Amino acid sequence: AKMQSIYKKVKEEYSKGTCYPPKNLIFNAFKQCPFKKLKVVLVGQDPYIKENEAMGLCFSIPKGTKVPPSL
């Protein structure tokens, strides 16, 4: 039930306006590490405020993107 409420809240926020990272990158970290190898998950809020900065990985930006001052 907890994951369902989180999913509902995330979906609601994305429906209200612009959110980062793009929807297709929300779970990017889990694409990089198989669940079988996963031991710890840190959930936080990254301070990315511009398009093309957030990519779903903490302290990471896409190649070719200027490093934001928050990093």
PDB file of N, CA and C in Angstrom:
ATOM      1  N   ALA A   1       0.826  -1.199   0.000  1.00  0.00           N
ATOM      2  CA  ALA A   1       0.000   0.000   0.000  1.00  0.00           C
ATOM      3  C   ALA A   1       0.868   1.258   0.000  1.00  0.00           C
ATOM      4  N   LYS A   2       2.028   1.207   0.667  1.00  0.00           N
ATOM      5  CA  LYS A   2       2.914   2.376   0.734  1.00  0.00           C
ATOM      6  C   LYS A   2       3.408   2.774  -0.665  1.00  0.00           C
ATOM      7  N   MET A   3       3.843   1.802  -1.458  1.00  0.00           N
ATOM      8  CA  MET A   3       4.321   2.096  -2.813  1.00  0.00           C
ATOM      9  C   MET A   3       3.201   2.662  -3.679  1.00  0.00           C
ATOM     10  N   GLN A   4       1.989   2.190  -3.481  1.00  0.00           N
ATOM     11  CA  GLN A   4       0.859   2.704  -4.252  1.00  0.00           C
ATOM     12  C   GLN A   4       0.619   4.180  -3.943  1.00  0.00           C
ATOM     13  N   SER A   5       0.762   4.560  -2.681  1.00  0.00           N
ATOM     14  CA  SER A   5       0.558   5.964  -2.326  1.00  0.00           C
ATOM     15  C   SER A   5       1.689   6.835  -2.874  1.00  0.00           C
ATOM     16  N   ILE A   6       2.905   6.317  -2.900  1.00  0.00           N
ATOM     17  CA  ILE A   6       4.032   7.053  -3.481  1.00  0.00           C
ATOM     18  C   ILE A   6       3.807   7.216  -4.982  1.00  0.00           C
ATOM     19  N   TYR A   7       3.423   6.128  -5.643  1.00  0.00           N
ATOM     20  CA  TYR A   7       3.158   6.173  -7.087  1.00  0.00           C
ATOM     21  C   TYR A   7       2.070   7.203  -7.395  1.00  0.00           C
ATOM     22  N   LYS A   8       1.018   7.193  -6.598  1.00  0.00           N
ATOM     23  CA  LYS A   8      -0.100   8.120  -6.803  1.00  0.00           C
ATOM     24  C   LYS A   8       0.378   9.575  -6.652  1.00  0.00           C
ATOM     25  N   LYS A   9       1.195   9.850  -5.644  1.00  0.00           N
ATOM     26  CA  LYS A   9       1.703  11.204  -5.400  1.00  0.00           C
ATOM     27  C   LYS A   9       2.610  11.661  -6.545  1.00  0.00           C
ATOM     28  N   VAL A  10       3.496  10.792  -7.003  1.00  0.00           N
ATOM     29  CA  VAL A  10       4.400  11.143  -8.111  1.00  0.00           C
ATOM     30  C   VAL A  10       3.594  11.428  -9.372  1.00  0.00           C
ATOM     31  N   LYS A  11       2.632  10.571  -9.665  1.00  0.00           N
ATOM     32  CA  LYS A  11       1.781  10.753 -10.843  1.00  0.00           C
ATOM     33  C   LYS A  11       1.035  12.083 -10.767  1.00  0.00           C
ATOM     34  N   GLU A  12       0.536  12.410  -9.586  1.00  0.00           N
ATOM     35  CA  GLU A  12      -0.183  13.663  -9.368  1.00  0.00           C
ATOM     36  C   GLU A  12       0.730  14.869  -9.625  1.00  0.00           C
ATOM     37  N   GLU A  13       1.955  14.832  -9.109  1.00  0.00           N
ATOM     38  CA  GLU A  13       2.883  15.947  -9.286  1.00  0.00           C
ATOM     39  C   GLU A  13       3.235  16.154 -10.758  1.00  0.00           C
ATOM     40  N   TYR A  14       3.457  15.077 -11.482  1.00  0.00           N
ATOM     41  CA  TYR A  14       3.768  15.192 -12.909  1.00  0.00           C
ATOM     42  C   TYR A  14       2.583  15.718 -13.704  1.00  0.00           C
ATOM     43  N   SER A  15       1.366  15.465 -13.242  1.00  0.00           N
ATOM     44  CA  SER A  15       0.182  15.958 -13.960  1.00  0.00           C
ATOM     45  C   SER A  15      -0.046  17.452 -13.729  1.00  0.00           C
ATOM     46  N   LYS A  16       0.533  18.001 -12.663  1.00  0.00           N
ATOM     47  CA  LYS A  16       0.344  19.416 -12.325  1.00  0.00           C
ATOM     48  C   LYS A  16       1.208  20.353 -13.153  1.00  0.00           C
ATOM     49  N   GLY A  17       2.365  19.879 -13.613  1.00  0.00           N
ATOM     50  CA  GLY A  17       3.256  20.771 -14.344  1.00  0.00           C
ATOM     51  C   GLY A  17       4.598  20.115 -14.599  1.00  0.00           C
ATOM     52  N   THR A  18       5.596  20.918 -14.859  1.00  0.00           N
ATOM     53  CA  THR A  18       6.920  20.425 -15.191  1.00  0.00           C
ATOM     54  C   THR A  18       7.611  19.840 -13.974  1.00  0.00           C
ATOM     55  N   CYS A  19       8.134  18.637 -14.130  1.00  0.00           N
ATOM     56  CA  CYS A  19       8.892  17.967 -13.076  1.00  0.00           C
ATOM     57  C   CYS A  19      10.168  17.398 -13.687  1.00  0.00           C
ATOM     58  N   TYR A  20      11.194  17.319 -12.883  1.00  0.00           N
ATOM     59  CA  TYR A  20      12.454  16.719 -13.323  1.00  0.00           C
ATOM     60  C   TYR A  20      12.815  15.586 -12.383  1.00  0.00           C
ATOM     61  N   PRO A  21      13.382  14.511 -12.882  1.00  0.00           N
ATOM     62  CA  PRO A  21      13.714  14.219 -14.263  1.00  0.00           C
ATOM     63  C   PRO A  21      12.449  13.898 -15.062  1.00  0.00           C
ATOM     64  N   PRO A  22      12.597  13.764 -16.388  1.00  0.00           N
ATOM     65  CA  PRO A  22      11.449  13.340 -17.192  1.00  0.00           C
ATOM     66  C   PRO A  22      10.923  11.999 -16.686  1.00  0.00           C
ATOM     67  N   LYS A  23       9.644  11.761 -16.877  1.00  0.00           N
ATOM     68  CA  LYS A  23       9.006  10.533 -16.368  1.00  0.00           C
ATOM     69  C   LYS A  23       9.783   9.263 -16.697  1.00  0.00           C
ATOM     70  N   ASN A  24      10.309   9.189 -17.918  1.00  0.00           N
ATOM     71  CA  ASN A  24      10.990   7.961 -18.327  1.00  0.00           C
ATOM     72  C   ASN A  24      12.313   7.742 -17.589  1.00  0.00           C
ATOM     73  N   LEU A  25      12.773   8.724 -16.820  1.00  0.00           N
ATOM     74  CA  LEU A  25      14.034   8.583 -16.090  1.00  0.00           C
ATOM     75  C   LEU A  25      13.865   8.518 -14.571  1.00  0.00           C
ATOM     76  N   ILE A  26      12.626   8.518 -14.100  1.00  0.00           N
ATOM     77  CA  ILE A  26      12.392   8.507 -12.655  1.00  0.00           C
ATOM     78  C   ILE A  26      13.116   7.338 -11.977  1.00  0.00           C
ATOM     79  N   PHE A  27      13.040   6.172 -12.570  1.00  0.00           N
ATOM     80  CA  PHE A  27      13.650   4.988 -11.971  1.00  0.00           C
ATOM     81  C   PHE A  27      14.932   4.585 -12.688  1.00  0.00           C
ATOM     82  N   ASN A  28      15.650   5.558 -13.228  1.00  0.00           N
ATOM     83  CA  ASN A  28      16.884   5.309 -13.960  1.00  0.00           C
ATOM     84  C   ASN A  28      17.906   4.543 -13.121  1.00  0.00           C
ATOM     85  N   ALA A  29      17.975   4.830 -11.847  1.00  0.00           N
ATOM     86  CA  ALA A  29      18.937   4.135 -10.974  1.00  0.00           C
ATOM     87  C   ALA A  29      18.699   2.630 -10.972  1.00  0.00           C
ATOM     88  N   PHE A  30      17.436   2.234 -11.038  1.00  0.00           N
ATOM     89  CA  PHE A  30      17.131   0.804 -11.014  1.00  0.00           C
ATOM     90  C   PHE A  30      17.442   0.131 -12.347  1.00  0.00           C
ATOM     91  N   LYS A  31      17.549   0.920 -13.401  1.00  0.00           N
ATOM     92  CA  LYS A  31      17.974   0.370 -14.686  1.00  0.00           C
ATOM     93  C   LYS A  31      19.478   0.107 -14.673  1.00  0.00           C
ATOM     94  N   GLN A  32      20.200   0.871 -13.856  1.00  0.00           N
ATOM     95  CA  GLN A  32      21.650   0.761 -13.788  1.00  0.00           C
ATOM     96  C   GLN A  32      22.124  -0.366 -12.866  1.00  0.00           C
ATOM     97  N   CYS A  33      21.280  -0.754 -11.922  1.00  0.00           N
ATOM     98  CA  CYS A  33      21.650  -1.785 -10.955  1.00  0.00           C
ATOM     99  C   CYS A  33      20.517  -2.800 -10.829  1.00  0.00           C
ATOM    100  N   PRO A  34      20.767  -4.063 -11.189  1.00  0.00           N
ATOM    101  CA  PRO A  34      19.716  -5.082 -11.084  1.00  0.00           C
ATOM    102  C   PRO A  34      19.248  -5.250  -9.627  1.00  0.00           C
ATOM    103  N   PHE A  35      17.962  -5.508  -9.447  1.00  0.00           N
ATOM    104  CA  PHE A  35      17.405  -5.666  -8.100  1.00  0.00           C
ATOM    105  C   PHE A  35      18.126  -6.745  -7.297  1.00  0.00           C
ATOM    106  N   LYS A  36      18.599  -7.774  -7.958  1.00  0.00           N
ATOM    107  CA  LYS A  36      19.296  -8.857  -7.250  1.00  0.00           C
ATOM    108  C   LYS A  36      20.576  -8.368  -6.583  1.00  0.00           C
ATOM    109  N   LYS A  37      21.181  -7.323  -7.127  1.00  0.00           N
ATOM    110  CA  LYS A  37      22.424  -6.788  -6.566  1.00  0.00           C
ATOM    111  C   LYS A  37      22.184  -5.621  -5.610  1.00  0.00           C
ATOM    112  N   LEU A  38      20.966  -5.151  -5.549  1.00  0.00           N
ATOM    113  CA  LEU A  38      20.624  -3.984  -4.759  1.00  0.00           C
ATOM    114  C   LEU A  38      20.658  -4.297  -3.266  1.00  0.00           C
ATOM    115  N   LYS A  39      21.330  -3.455  -2.507  1.00  0.00           N
ATOM    116  CA  LYS A  39      21.399  -3.640  -1.057  1.00  0.00           C
ATOM    117  C   LYS A  39      20.835  -2.445  -0.300  1.00  0.00           C
ATOM    118  N   VAL A  40      20.995  -1.254  -0.845  1.00  0.00           N
ATOM    119  CA  VAL A  40      20.553  -0.037  -0.170  1.00  0.00           C
ATOM    120  C   VAL A  40      19.968   0.918  -1.205  1.00  0.00           C
ATOM    121  N   VAL A  41      18.905   1.599  -0.822  1.00  0.00           N
ATOM    122  CA  VAL A  41      18.330   2.640  -1.673  1.00  0.00           C
ATOM    123  C   VAL A  41      18.248   3.911  -0.844  1.00  0.00           C
ATOM    124  N   LEU A  42      18.862   4.976  -1.348  1.00  0.00           N
ATOM    125  CA  LEU A  42      18.764   6.284  -0.708  1.00  0.00           C
ATOM    126  C   LEU A  42      17.796   7.113  -1.530  1.00  0.00           C
ATOM    127  N   VAL A  43      16.765   7.583  -0.894  1.00  0.00           N
ATOM    128  CA  VAL A  43      15.769   8.391  -1.594  1.00  0.00           C
ATOM    129  C   VAL A  43      15.935   9.825  -1.123  1.00  0.00           C
ATOM    130  N   GLY A  44      16.060  10.715  -2.076  1.00  0.00           N
ATOM    131  CA  GLY A  44      16.240  12.115  -1.721  1.00  0.00           C
ATOM    132  C   GLY A  44      15.711  13.009  -2.801  1.00  0.00           C
ATOM    133  N   GLN A  45      15.974  14.262  -2.644  1.00  0.00           N
ATOM    134  CA  GLN A  45      15.500  15.247  -3.599  1.00  0.00           C
ATOM    135  C   GLN A  45      16.713  15.931  -4.205  1.00  0.00           C
ATOM    136  N   ASP A  46      16.878  15.787  -5.501  1.00  0.00           N
ATOM    137  CA  ASP A  46      17.981  16.448  -6.187  1.00  0.00           C
ATOM    138  C   ASP A  46      17.572  17.872  -6.535  1.00  0.00           C
ATOM    139  N   PRO A  47      18.489  18.820  -6.429  1.00  0.00           N
ATOM    140  CA  PRO A  47      18.153  20.227  -6.649  1.00  0.00           C
ATOM    141  C   PRO A  47      18.266  20.690  -8.100  1.00  0.00           C
ATOM    142  N   TYR A  48      17.892  19.850  -9.034  1.00  0.00           N
ATOM    143  CA  TYR A  48      17.965  20.250 -10.432  1.00  0.00           C
ATOM    144  C   TYR A  48      16.732  21.061 -10.794  1.00  0.00           C
ATOM    145  N   ILE A  49      16.953  22.216 -11.397  1.00  0.00           N
ATOM    146  CA  ILE A  49      15.813  23.099 -11.679  1.00  0.00           C
ATOM    147  C   ILE A  49      15.653  23.421 -13.154  1.00  0.00           C
ATOM    148  N   LYS A  50      16.587  22.943 -13.980  1.00  0.00           N
ATOM    149  CA  LYS A  50      16.512  23.242 -15.406  1.00  0.00           C
ATOM    150  C   LYS A  50      16.348  21.968 -16.220  1.00  0.00           C
ATOM    151  N   GLU A  51      15.734  22.144 -17.383  1.00  0.00           N
ATOM    152  CA  GLU A  51      15.555  21.034 -18.306  1.00  0.00           C
ATOM    153  C   GLU A  51      16.920  20.474 -18.713  1.00  0.00           C
ATOM    154  N   ASN A  52      16.990  19.172 -18.914  1.00  0.00           N
ATOM    155  CA  ASN A  52      18.188  18.448 -19.347  1.00  0.00           C
ATOM    156  C   ASN A  52      19.279  18.349 -18.282  1.00  0.00           C
ATOM    157  N   GLU A  53      18.962  18.626 -17.020  1.00  0.00           N
ATOM    158  CA  GLU A  53      19.945  18.426 -15.948  1.00  0.00           C
ATOM    159  C   GLU A  53      19.677  17.108 -15.225  1.00  0.00           C
ATOM    160  N   ALA A  54      18.469  16.927 -14.743  1.00  0.00           N
ATOM    161  CA  ALA A  54      18.139  15.732 -13.967  1.00  0.00           C
ATOM    162  C   ALA A  54      18.013  14.515 -14.867  1.00  0.00           C
ATOM    163  N   MET A  55      18.621  13.415 -14.417  1.00  0.00           N
ATOM    164  CA  MET A  55      18.554  12.188 -15.210  1.00  0.00           C
ATOM    165  C   MET A  55      18.249  10.964 -14.349  1.00  0.00           C
ATOM    166  N   GLY A  56      17.771  11.198 -13.128  1.00  0.00           N
ATOM    167  CA  GLY A  56      17.364  10.097 -12.274  1.00  0.00           C
ATOM    168  C   GLY A  56      18.487   9.446 -11.492  1.00  0.00           C
ATOM    169  N   LEU A  57      19.660  10.044 -11.490  1.00  0.00           N
ATOM    170  CA  LEU A  57      20.797   9.538 -10.724  1.00  0.00           C
ATOM    171  C   LEU A  57      21.364  10.692  -9.900  1.00  0.00           C
ATOM    172  N   CYS A  58      21.544  10.476  -8.611  1.00  0.00           N
ATOM    173  CA  CYS A  58      22.078  11.525  -7.745  1.00  0.00           C
ATOM    174  C   CYS A  58      23.450  11.979  -8.213  1.00  0.00           C
ATOM    175  N   PHE A  59      23.687  13.265  -8.129  1.00  0.00           N
ATOM    176  CA  PHE A  59      24.982  13.878  -8.462  1.00  0.00           C
ATOM    177  C   PHE A  59      25.437  13.526  -9.867  1.00  0.00           C
ATOM    178  N   SER A  60      24.497  13.459 -10.783  1.00  0.00           N
ATOM    179  CA  SER A  60      24.806  13.088 -12.158  1.00  0.00           C
ATOM    180  C   SER A  60      24.034  13.980 -13.114  1.00  0.00           C
ATOM    181  N   ILE A  61      24.689  14.335 -14.204  1.00  0.00           N
ATOM    182  CA  ILE A  61      24.032  15.091 -15.265  1.00  0.00           C
ATOM    183  C   ILE A  61      24.412  14.441 -16.590  1.00  0.00           C
ATOM    184  N   PRO A  62      23.593  14.618 -17.616  1.00  0.00           N
ATOM    185  CA  PRO A  62      23.927  14.038 -18.919  1.00  0.00           C
ATOM    186  C   PRO A  62      25.209  14.656 -19.484  1.00  0.00           C
ATOM    187  N   LYS A  63      25.936  13.887 -20.255  1.00  0.00           N
ATOM    188  CA  LYS A  63      27.139  14.397 -20.919  1.00  0.00           C
ATOM    189  C   LYS A  63      26.761  15.601 -21.767  1.00  0.00           C
ATOM    190  N   GLY A  64      27.624  16.600 -21.758  1.00  0.00           N
ATOM    191  CA  GLY A  64      27.388  17.796 -22.543  1.00  0.00           C
ATOM    192  C   GLY A  64      26.572  18.861 -21.833  1.00  0.00           C
ATOM    193  N   THR A  65      26.105  18.563 -20.618  1.00  0.00           N
ATOM    194  CA  THR A  65      25.323  19.530 -19.840  1.00  0.00           C
ATOM    195  C   THR A  65      26.243  20.284 -18.904  1.00  0.00           C
ATOM    196  N   LYS A  66      26.091  21.590 -18.856  1.00  0.00           N
ATOM    197  CA  LYS A  66      26.892  22.412 -17.950  1.00  0.00           C
ATOM    198  C   LYS A  66      26.566  22.027 -16.511  1.00  0.00           C
ATOM    199  N   VAL A  67      27.589  21.896 -15.690  1.00  0.00           N
ATOM    200  CA  VAL A  67      27.390  21.500 -14.292  1.00  0.00           C
ATOM    201  C   VAL A  67      26.652  22.609 -13.551  1.00  0.00           C
ATOM    202  N   PRO A  68      25.501  22.276 -12.960  1.00  0.00           N
ATOM    203  CA  PRO A  68      24.735  23.292 -12.226  1.00  0.00           C
ATOM    204  C   PRO A  68      25.470  23.695 -10.939  1.00  0.00           C
ATOM    205  N   PRO A  69      25.236  24.908 -10.450  1.00  0.00           N
ATOM    206  CA  PRO A  69      25.931  25.361  -9.231  1.00  0.00           C
ATOM    207  C   PRO A  69      25.600  24.507  -8.002  1.00  0.00           C
ATOM    208  N   SER A  70      24.467  23.820  -8.017  1.00  0.00           N
ATOM    209  CA  SER A  70      24.081  22.994  -6.862  1.00  0.00           C
ATOM    210  C   SER A  70      24.953  21.741  -6.740  1.00  0.00           C
ATOM    211  N   LEU A  71      25.669  21.381  -7.810  1.00  0.00           N
ATOM    212  CA  LEU A  71      26.562  20.232  -7.751  1.00  0.00           C
ATOM    213  C   LEU A  71      27.964  20.684  -7.456  1.00  0.00           C
TER     214      LEU A  71
END
